[in-house]
Amino acid sequence: MKGRVLTLVGLAVVAVAVVASLWTEERFVVEDARLERASDGARVTGTILNTGPAATQILVDIAVVSAEGRLGEKETVTLDQIAAGARVPFSSKRYPGDVRAYTIHVNEGTNPYGN
């Protein structure tokens, strides 16, 4: 019985540690992302929330998908000097044609393994 209790407590501690590490891993949160359409195309806009310490620079990678379902252009928007707790707006260039969807990836640079 004592072994089961210790095992369950150990599993609970590991689960809490994993959840806590994942929670703190998402340092930059994309808020209010949207497509702004106009007669000459569309652009992707939104806001980045920094939930961690200040950052010197981050890269916002944006890719769009055409109405035909083809991956369109890719773009990287550079944001500099993001204070802790700051909300920083971003905007892509205007993409011509009919844009159906988009993806956004916040890139903080390479990790110690070079990825």
C-alpha atoms as a PDB file:
ATOM      1  CA  MET A   1       0.000   0.000   0.000  1.00  0.00           C
ATOM      2  CA  LYS A   2       2.805   2.398   0.912  1.00  0.00           C
ATOM      3  CA  GLY A   3       4.507   1.711  -2.433  1.00  0.00           C
ATOM      4  CA  ARG A   4       1.335   2.594  -4.368  1.00  0.00           C
ATOM      5  CA  VAL A   5       0.925   5.862  -2.493  1.00  0.00           C
ATOM      6  CA  LEU A   6       4.543   6.814  -3.150  1.00  0.00           C
ATOM      7  CA  THR A   7       4.162   5.910  -6.831  1.00  0.00           C
ATOM      8  CA  LEU A   8       1.004   8.000  -7.158  1.00  0.00           C
ATOM      9  CA  VAL A   9       2.627  10.953  -5.384  1.00  0.00           C
ATOM     10  CA  GLY A  10       5.671  10.640  -7.648  1.00  0.00           C
ATOM     11  CA  LEU A  11       3.491  10.561 -10.767  1.00  0.00           C
ATOM     12  CA  ALA A  12       1.567  13.608  -9.561  1.00  0.00           C
ATOM     13  CA  VAL A  13       4.812  15.531  -8.983  1.00  0.00           C
ATOM     14  CA  VAL A  14       6.053  14.635 -12.474  1.00  0.00           C
ATOM     15  CA  ALA A  15       2.712  15.662 -14.035  1.00  0.00           C
ATOM     16  CA  VAL A  16       2.772  19.022 -12.244  1.00  0.00           C
ATOM     17  CA  ALA A  17       6.377  19.596 -13.338  1.00  0.00           C
ATOM     18  CA  VAL A  18       5.531  18.840 -16.984  1.00  0.00           C
ATOM     19  CA  VAL A  19       2.494  21.134 -16.967  1.00  0.00           C
ATOM     20  CA  ALA A  20       4.492  23.921 -15.295  1.00  0.00           C
ATOM     21  CA  SER A  21       7.329  23.635 -17.807  1.00  0.00           C
ATOM     22  CA  LEU A  22       4.933  23.698 -20.760  1.00  0.00           C
ATOM     23  CA  TRP A  23       3.097  26.675 -19.282  1.00  0.00           C
ATOM     24  CA  THR A  24       6.292  28.701 -18.956  1.00  0.00           C
ATOM     25  CA  GLU A  25       7.615  27.534 -22.338  1.00  0.00           C
ATOM     26  CA  GLU A  26       5.024  29.556 -24.283  1.00  0.00           C
ATOM     27  CA  ARG A  27       6.633  32.876 -23.523  1.00  0.00           C
ATOM     28  CA  PHE A  28       5.113  34.784 -26.455  1.00  0.00           C
ATOM     29  CA  VAL A  29       1.380  34.571 -27.082  1.00  0.00           C
ATOM     30  CA  VAL A  30      -0.255  35.649 -30.351  1.00  0.00           C
ATOM     31  CA  GLU A  31      -3.418  37.636 -29.646  1.00  0.00           C
ATOM     32  CA  ASP A  32      -6.124  38.999 -31.931  1.00  0.00           C
ATOM     33  CA  ALA A  33      -4.611  37.548 -35.133  1.00  0.00           C
ATOM     34  CA  ARG A  34      -6.728  38.248 -38.183  1.00  0.00           C
ATOM     35  CA  LEU A  35      -6.766  38.803 -41.936  1.00  0.00           C
ATOM     36  CA  GLU A  36      -7.426  42.387 -42.958  1.00  0.00           C
ATOM     37  CA  ARG A  37      -8.862  42.298 -46.462  1.00  0.00           C
ATOM     38  CA  ALA A  38      -8.822  45.104 -49.018  1.00  0.00           C
ATOM     39  CA  SER A  39      -9.476  45.356 -52.741  1.00  0.00           C
ATOM     40  CA  ASP A  40      -5.781  44.858 -53.523  1.00  0.00           C
ATOM     41  CA  GLY A  41      -5.231  41.823 -51.260  1.00  0.00           C
ATOM     42  CA  ALA A  42      -4.972  40.974 -47.577  1.00  0.00           C
ATOM     43  CA  ARG A  43      -2.507  41.278 -44.749  1.00  0.00           C
ATOM     44  CA  VAL A  44      -2.113  39.434 -41.438  1.00  0.00           C
ATOM     45  CA  THR A  45      -2.174  41.533 -38.269  1.00  0.00           C
ATOM     46  CA  GLY A  46      -2.194  40.815 -34.563  1.00  0.00           C
ATOM     47  CA  THR A  47      -0.475  41.413 -31.251  1.00  0.00           C
ATOM     48  CA  ILE A  48       2.312  39.548 -29.451  1.00  0.00           C
ATOM     49  CA  LEU A  49       2.092  39.343 -25.648  1.00  0.00           C
ATOM     50  CA  ASN A  50       5.374  38.738 -23.824  1.00  0.00           C
ATOM     51  CA  THR A  51       4.574  36.665 -20.713  1.00  0.00           C
ATOM     52  CA  GLY A  52       8.228  36.298 -19.728  1.00  0.00           C
ATOM     53  CA  PRO A  53      11.252  38.538 -19.218  1.00  0.00           C
ATOM     54  CA  ALA A  54      12.234  41.251 -21.700  1.00  0.00           C
ATOM     55  CA  ALA A  55      13.461  40.081 -25.105  1.00  0.00           C
ATOM     56  CA  THR A  56      15.923  41.790 -27.401  1.00  0.00           C
ATOM     57  CA  GLN A  57      14.357  40.445 -30.590  1.00  0.00           C
ATOM     58  CA  ILE A  58      11.796  37.932 -31.815  1.00  0.00           C
ATOM     59  CA  LEU A  59      10.819  36.855 -35.305  1.00  0.00           C
ATOM     60  CA  VAL A  60       7.194  36.392 -36.329  1.00  0.00           C
ATOM     61  CA  ASP A  61       7.036  33.931 -39.255  1.00  0.00           C
ATOM     62  CA  ILE A  62       3.880  34.351 -41.357  1.00  0.00           C
ATOM     63  CA  ALA A  63       2.755  32.140 -44.237  1.00  0.00           C
ATOM     64  CA  VAL A  64      -0.438  32.498 -46.257  1.00  0.00           C
ATOM     65  CA  VAL A  65      -2.584  29.963 -48.111  1.00  0.00           C
ATOM     66  CA  SER A  66      -4.338  30.939 -51.339  1.00  0.00           C
ATOM     67  CA  ALA A  67      -7.997  30.321 -52.162  1.00  0.00           C
ATOM     68  CA  GLU A  68      -6.850  27.308 -54.209  1.00  0.00           C
ATOM     69  CA  GLY A  69      -5.250  25.796 -51.098  1.00  0.00           C
ATOM     70  CA  ARG A  70      -1.661  26.452 -52.181  1.00  0.00           C
ATOM     71  CA  LEU A  71       0.952  27.685 -49.757  1.00  0.00           C
ATOM     72  CA  GLY A  72       1.722  31.245 -50.772  1.00  0.00           C
ATOM     73  CA  GLU A  73       4.425  33.593 -49.735  1.00  0.00           C
ATOM     74  CA  LYS A  74       6.253  33.403 -46.438  1.00  0.00           C
ATOM     75  CA  GLU A  75       7.448  36.432 -44.528  1.00  0.00           C
ATOM     76  CA  THR A  76       9.338  37.136 -41.325  1.00  0.00           C
ATOM     77  CA  VAL A  77       8.454  40.228 -39.294  1.00  0.00           C
ATOM     78  CA  THR A  78      11.142  41.299 -36.807  1.00  0.00           C
ATOM     79  CA  LEU A  79      10.090  42.807 -33.473  1.00  0.00           C
ATOM     80  CA  ASP A  80      12.806  44.444 -31.361  1.00  0.00           C
ATOM     81  CA  GLN A  81      13.024  45.287 -27.644  1.00  0.00           C
ATOM     82  CA  ILE A  82       9.938  43.590 -26.200  1.00  0.00           C
ATOM     83  CA  ALA A  83       9.554  44.473 -22.531  1.00  0.00           C
ATOM     84  CA  ALA A  84       8.246  41.984 -19.984  1.00  0.00           C
ATOM     85  CA  GLY A  85       4.444  42.022 -20.058  1.00  0.00           C
ATOM     86  CA  ALA A  86       4.354  44.154 -23.224  1.00  0.00           C
ATOM     87  CA  ARG A  87       1.844  43.807 -26.035  1.00  0.00           C
ATOM     88  CA  VAL A  88       3.424  44.623 -29.408  1.00  0.00           C
ATOM     89  CA  PRO A  89       1.387  44.875 -32.626  1.00  0.00           C
ATOM     90  CA  PHE A  90       2.637  43.287 -35.844  1.00  0.00           C
ATOM     91  CA  SER A  91       1.534  43.393 -39.455  1.00  0.00           C
ATOM     92  CA  SER A  92       2.595  41.549 -42.593  1.00  0.00           C
ATOM     93  CA  LYS A  93       2.964  43.073 -46.011  1.00  0.00           C
ATOM     94  CA  ARG A  94      -0.124  43.066 -48.223  1.00  0.00           C
ATOM     95  CA  TYR A  95      -0.490  39.805 -50.165  1.00  0.00           C
ATOM     96  CA  PRO A  96      -2.202  40.143 -53.559  1.00  0.00           C
ATOM     97  CA  GLY A  97      -5.029  37.827 -54.526  1.00  0.00           C
ATOM     98  CA  ASP A  98      -7.488  35.927 -52.385  1.00  0.00           C
ATOM     99  CA  VAL A  99      -5.909  34.667 -49.160  1.00  0.00           C
ATOM    100  CA  ARG A 100      -7.881  31.866 -47.487  1.00  0.00           C
ATOM    101  CA  ALA A 101      -5.814  31.166 -44.380  1.00  0.00           C
ATOM    102  CA  TYR A 102      -2.516  31.911 -42.659  1.00  0.00           C
ATOM    103  CA  THR A 103      -0.107  30.524 -40.097  1.00  0.00           C
ATOM    104  CA  ILE A 104       1.906  32.396 -37.493  1.00  0.00           C
ATOM    105  CA  HIS A 105       4.969  31.075 -35.694  1.00  0.00           C
ATOM    106  CA  VAL A 106       6.897  33.077 -33.108  1.00  0.00           C
ATOM    107  CA  ASN A 107      10.599  32.318 -33.340  1.00  0.00           C
ATOM    108  CA  GLU A 108      12.832  33.220 -30.400  1.00  0.00           C
ATOM    109  CA  GLY A 109      16.021  32.096 -32.143  1.00  0.00           C
ATOM    110  CA  THR A 110      17.963  28.880 -31.912  1.00  0.00           C
ATOM    111  CA  ASN A 111      18.072  26.686 -28.840  1.00  0.00           C
ATOM    112  CA  PRO A 112      21.334  25.296 -27.380  1.00  0.00           C
ATOM    113  CA  TYR A 113      21.105  22.392 -29.865  1.00  0.00           C
ATOM    114  CA  GLY A 114      21.070  24.677 -32.913  1.00  0.00           C
ATOM    115  CA  ASN A 115      17.380  24.121 -33.828  1.00  0.00           C
END
